[in-house]
Amino acid sequence: MKTRFIIIVMVIAAAFVSTMYLAAGSLSWFIDLPSFALAVVLPVIVAAVIFSPGRQRRYFLAVFGRSGAGAEADSEDKIIGEALLFFKTLSSLAAVCTAITILIGLISILGNVRNNDMIGSGLAVMLLAPLYCLLLFLIVIIPCRTLLLRRKEMRTK
């Protein structure tokens, strides 16, 4: 299951990279480190403050059915519940950080409204934060939550 998941993630990433390259002729248009840091890295850092890195590791292992909880069903169910809470929290953090990034970009565009050359590039950079956030959702959050919900459903049957 882990290998299949990784292959699917790589195929999705390759599809997006090739689409971006074909659409713009250059991947540099889609790279903005400050937007990436605010929309993706910051939510992960805040999640690391709320959920310890060791717990996060257990949550990602729980996605693939190896939570390290032992043979106890209650413990396994507890880990799955905590993992679902972690991914729900991460998705909320990513959405909030992306909204903040968009607002920062909008404020910088409006601050330079007299400079027409800055408006187009500012809008393009501003839209990269939602792109990064959506890719985080598509590649990490949604698949992990879906796999956890499936495992939880199978355990209750």
Protein backbone atom coordinates (compact mmCIF):
# COMPACT_ATOMS: atom_id res chain seq x y z
CA MET A 1 0.00 0.00 0.00
CA LYS A 2 2.85 2.38 0.83
CA THR A 3 4.59 1.72 -2.50
CA ARG A 4 1.35 2.25 -4.41
CA PHE A 5 0.73 5.50 -2.54
CA ILE A 6 4.23 6.79 -3.32
CA ILE A 7 3.89 5.87 -6.99
CA ILE A 8 0.54 7.66 -7.24
CA VAL A 9 1.98 10.76 -5.55
CA MET A 10 4.93 10.73 -7.96
CA VAL A 11 2.60 10.41 -10.97
CA ILE A 12 0.45 13.31 -9.73
CA ALA A 13 3.54 15.45 -9.11
CA ALA A 14 4.97 14.60 -12.53
CA ALA A 15 1.63 15.45 -14.18
CA PHE A 16 1.54 18.84 -12.48
CA VAL A 17 5.17 19.65 -13.21
CA SER A 18 4.79 18.73 -16.88
CA THR A 19 1.54 20.70 -17.15
CA MET A 20 3.14 23.75 -15.54
CA TYR A 21 6.12 23.49 -17.87
CA LEU A 22 3.93 23.13 -20.96
CA ALA A 23 1.64 25.98 -19.89
CA ALA A 24 4.35 28.52 -19.12
CA GLY A 25 7.40 27.22 -20.95
CA SER A 26 9.35 27.54 -17.73
CA LEU A 27 8.95 26.20 -14.22
CA SER A 28 10.46 29.37 -12.75
CA TRP A 29 7.07 31.09 -13.02
CA PHE A 30 5.71 28.60 -10.50
CA ILE A 31 8.47 28.91 -7.91
CA ASP A 32 8.21 31.48 -5.16
CA LEU A 33 9.95 30.48 -1.95
CA PRO A 34 8.25 33.03 0.34
CA SER A 35 4.79 31.88 -0.82
CA PHE A 36 5.82 28.24 -0.39
CA ALA A 37 7.22 28.94 3.07
CA LEU A 38 4.06 30.71 4.23
CA ALA A 39 1.52 28.39 2.60
CA VAL A 40 3.18 24.99 3.17
CA VAL A 41 6.16 25.15 5.54
CA LEU A 42 4.54 27.38 8.17
CA PRO A 43 1.49 25.10 8.67
CA VAL A 44 3.83 22.12 9.07
CA ILE A 45 5.89 24.03 11.67
CA VAL A 46 2.79 25.08 13.60
CA ALA A 47 1.53 21.48 13.45
CA ALA A 48 4.89 20.37 14.87
CA VAL A 49 4.31 22.69 17.82
CA ILE A 50 0.82 21.27 18.43
CA PHE A 51 1.67 17.63 17.66
CA SER A 52 5.19 16.48 18.48
CA PRO A 53 7.33 15.20 15.58
CA GLY A 54 7.30 11.73 17.12
CA ARG A 55 3.52 11.72 17.19
CA GLN A 56 3.40 13.00 13.62
CA ARG A 57 5.59 10.08 12.57
CA ARG A 58 3.12 7.68 14.21
CA TYR A 59 0.25 9.38 12.39
CA PHE A 60 1.92 8.97 9.00
CA LEU A 61 2.72 5.34 9.85
CA ALA A 62 -0.94 4.86 10.81
CA VAL A 63 -1.91 5.88 7.29
CA PHE A 64 -0.15 2.77 6.02
CA GLY A 65 -1.40 0.50 8.79
CA ARG A 66 1.71 0.52 10.96
CA SER A 67 0.92 2.70 13.93
CA GLY A 68 3.12 0.81 16.35
CA ALA A 69 0.21 0.58 18.76
CA GLY A 70 0.62 -3.12 19.36
CA ALA A 71 -2.16 -5.66 19.34
CA GLU A 72 -4.63 -3.62 21.36
CA ALA A 73 -7.62 -2.55 19.25
CA ASP A 74 -8.41 0.41 21.51
CA SER A 75 -4.90 1.77 21.11
CA GLU A 76 -5.05 1.36 17.32
CA ASP A 77 -8.41 3.13 17.19
CA LYS A 78 -7.03 5.92 19.36
CA ILE A 79 -4.04 6.42 17.03
CA ILE A 80 -6.31 6.52 13.98
CA GLY A 81 -8.52 9.10 15.71
CA GLU A 82 -5.51 11.22 16.65
CA ALA A 83 -4.13 10.93 13.11
CA LEU A 84 -7.44 12.11 11.67
CA LEU A 85 -7.36 15.07 14.06
CA PHE A 86 -3.80 15.83 12.98
CA PHE A 87 -4.67 15.89 9.27
CA LYS A 88 -7.80 17.95 9.94
CA THR A 89 -5.69 20.44 11.92
CA LEU A 90 -3.02 20.51 9.20
CA SER A 91 -5.66 21.23 6.56
CA SER A 92 -7.08 24.09 8.65
CA LEU A 93 -3.62 25.52 9.26
CA ALA A 94 -2.77 25.31 5.55
CA ALA A 95 -6.00 27.10 4.60
CA VAL A 96 -5.47 29.89 7.16
CA CYS A 97 -1.80 30.39 6.23
CA THR A 98 -2.75 30.49 2.54
CA ALA A 99 -5.41 33.13 3.21
CA ILE A 100 -2.84 35.21 5.11
CA THR A 101 -0.37 34.83 2.24
CA ILE A 102 -3.02 35.97 -0.26
CA LEU A 103 -3.80 39.01 1.87
CA ILE A 104 -0.11 39.90 2.13
CA GLY A 105 0.16 39.65 -1.66
CA LEU A 106 -2.96 41.74 -2.19
CA ILE A 107 -1.70 44.43 0.17
CA SER A 108 1.63 44.57 -1.65
CA ILE A 109 -0.18 44.85 -5.02
CA LEU A 110 -2.43 47.63 -3.76
CA GLY A 111 0.59 49.40 -2.31
CA ASN A 112 2.11 49.49 -5.81
CA VAL A 113 -1.10 50.14 -7.74
CA ARG A 114 0.46 53.06 -9.64
CA ASN A 115 3.13 50.76 -11.08
CA ASN A 116 1.33 48.79 -13.82
CA ASP A 117 4.29 46.47 -14.34
CA MET A 118 4.06 45.25 -10.76
CA ILE A 119 0.34 44.38 -10.85
CA GLY A 120 0.59 41.38 -13.20
CA SER A 121 3.62 39.85 -11.57
CA GLY A 122 2.20 40.57 -8.11
CA LEU A 123 -1.05 38.79 -8.98
CA ALA A 124 0.86 35.82 -10.35
CA VAL A 125 2.92 35.51 -7.18
CA MET A 126 -0.17 35.97 -5.02
CA LEU A 127 -1.89 33.05 -6.77
CA LEU A 128 1.02 30.70 -6.11
CA ALA A 129 0.08 30.34 -2.42
CA PRO A 130 -3.31 28.76 -3.19
CA LEU A 131 -1.62 26.56 -5.80
CA TYR A 132 0.89 25.29 -3.23
CA CYS A 133 -1.87 24.76 -0.66
CA LEU A 134 -4.04 22.85 -3.13
CA LEU A 135 -1.10 20.65 -4.10
CA LEU A 136 -0.49 19.94 -0.38
CA PHE A 137 -4.15 18.94 -0.07
CA LEU A 138 -4.08 16.82 -3.23
CA ILE A 139 -0.81 15.03 -2.61
CA VAL A 140 -0.72 14.67 1.20
CA ILE A 141 -3.78 15.63 3.21
CA ILE A 142 -6.69 14.18 1.20
CA PRO A 143 -5.05 10.80 0.44
CA CYS A 144 -3.88 10.36 4.05
CA ARG A 145 -7.27 11.27 5.54
CA THR A 146 -9.05 9.00 3.05
CA LEU A 147 -6.80 6.05 3.87
CA LEU A 148 -7.29 6.64 7.60
CA LEU A 149 -11.07 6.88 7.23
CA ARG A 150 -11.04 3.65 5.22
CA ARG A 151 -9.00 1.91 7.94
CA LYS A 152 -11.34 3.24 10.62
CA GLU A 153 -14.37 2.02 8.68
CA MET A 154 -12.85 -1.44 8.15
CA ARG A 155 -12.06 -1.71 11.87
CA THR A 156 -15.65 -0.95 12.86
CA LYS A 157 -17.09 -3.67 10.61
